[in-house]
Amino acid sequence: MAHESSKRVSILIPEGLFRQLEKQAEQSSRSVSSYVRQVLKWHLSYLNQFPRT
């Protein structure tokens, strides 16, 4: 896969949500930032399954 250029994104989330992400990232042997990127990719892939109205 060709390497795409990247853009930096900053998000502010509640601490409880961060702790959940941290736990899930650890269970999948990923860093939190890597896990968040993967979750966003999965979510966008899911959304693309449905036609936009």
C-alpha atoms as a PDB file:
ATOM      1  CA  MET A   1       0.000   0.000   0.000  1.00  0.00           C
ATOM      2  CA  ALA A   2       1.316   3.442  -0.900  1.00  0.00           C
ATOM      3  CA  HIS A   3       2.146   5.663   2.035  1.00  0.00           C
ATOM      4  CA  GLU A   4      -0.325   8.554   2.265  1.00  0.00           C
ATOM      5  CA  SER A   5       0.489  11.990   3.599  1.00  0.00           C
ATOM      6  CA  SER A   6      -0.754  12.591   7.117  1.00  0.00           C
ATOM      7  CA  LYS A   7      -2.572  15.343   8.958  1.00  0.00           C
ATOM      8  CA  ARG A   8      -2.492  15.868  12.699  1.00  0.00           C
ATOM      9  CA  VAL A   9      -5.820  15.863  14.563  1.00  0.00           C
ATOM     10  CA  SER A  10      -6.401  16.798  18.167  1.00  0.00           C
ATOM     11  CA  ILE A  11      -9.499  15.683  20.061  1.00  0.00           C
ATOM     12  CA  LEU A  12     -10.800  16.389  23.529  1.00  0.00           C
ATOM     13  CA  ILE A  13     -12.615  13.413  25.081  1.00  0.00           C
ATOM     14  CA  PRO A  14     -13.927  12.662  28.555  1.00  0.00           C
ATOM     15  CA  GLU A  15     -11.459  10.872  30.820  1.00  0.00           C
ATOM     16  CA  GLY A  16     -13.737   7.836  31.133  1.00  0.00           C
ATOM     17  CA  LEU A  17     -13.767   7.365  27.355  1.00  0.00           C
ATOM     18  CA  PHE A  18      -9.989   7.766  27.259  1.00  0.00           C
ATOM     19  CA  ARG A  19      -9.613   5.033  29.900  1.00  0.00           C
ATOM     20  CA  GLN A  20     -11.791   2.717  27.788  1.00  0.00           C
ATOM     21  CA  LEU A  21      -9.701   3.443  24.700  1.00  0.00           C
ATOM     22  CA  GLU A  22      -6.524   2.928  26.715  1.00  0.00           C
ATOM     23  CA  LYS A  23      -7.741  -0.475  27.937  1.00  0.00           C
ATOM     24  CA  GLN A  24      -8.822  -1.589  24.452  1.00  0.00           C
ATOM     25  CA  ALA A  25      -5.540  -0.399  22.953  1.00  0.00           C
ATOM     26  CA  GLU A  26      -3.561  -2.359  25.518  1.00  0.00           C
ATOM     27  CA  GLN A  27      -5.607  -5.508  24.843  1.00  0.00           C
ATOM     28  CA  SER A  28      -4.891  -5.189  21.119  1.00  0.00           C
ATOM     29  CA  SER A  29      -1.177  -4.448  21.692  1.00  0.00           C
ATOM     30  CA  ARG A  30      -1.456  -0.997  20.122  1.00  0.00           C
ATOM     31  CA  SER A  31      -0.703   2.509  21.282  1.00  0.00           C
ATOM     32  CA  VAL A  32      -3.764   4.621  22.075  1.00  0.00           C
ATOM     33  CA  SER A  33      -3.189   6.824  19.012  1.00  0.00           C
ATOM     34  CA  SER A  34      -2.817   3.778  16.759  1.00  0.00           C
ATOM     35  CA  TYR A  35      -5.952   2.227  18.224  1.00  0.00           C
ATOM     36  CA  VAL A  36      -7.955   5.444  17.732  1.00  0.00           C
ATOM     37  CA  ARG A  37      -6.824   5.599  14.077  1.00  0.00           C
ATOM     38  CA  GLN A  38      -7.938   1.978  13.591  1.00  0.00           C
ATOM     39  CA  VAL A  39     -11.320   2.601  15.235  1.00  0.00           C
ATOM     40  CA  LEU A  40     -11.891   5.633  13.001  1.00  0.00           C
ATOM     41  CA  LYS A  41     -11.029   3.581   9.899  1.00  0.00           C
ATOM     42  CA  TRP A  42     -13.434   0.815  10.982  1.00  0.00           C
ATOM     43  CA  HIS A  43     -16.184   3.330  11.704  1.00  0.00           C
ATOM     44  CA  LEU A  44     -15.784   5.094   8.352  1.00  0.00           C
ATOM     45  CA  SER A  45     -15.786   1.736   6.578  1.00  0.00           C
ATOM     46  CA  TYR A  46     -19.011   0.842   8.398  1.00  0.00           C
ATOM     47  CA  LEU A  47     -20.641   4.172   7.500  1.00  0.00           C
ATOM     48  CA  ASN A  48     -19.679   3.757   3.847  1.00  0.00           C
ATOM     49  CA  GLN A  49     -21.807   0.604   3.681  1.00  0.00           C
ATOM     50  CA  PHE A  50     -24.948   2.741   3.857  1.00  0.00           C
ATOM     51  CA  PRO A  51     -26.176   5.137   1.161  1.00  0.00           C
ATOM     52  CA  ARG A  52     -26.182   8.784   2.138  1.00  0.00           C
ATOM     53  CA  THR A  53     -29.471  10.597   1.962  1.00  0.00           C
END
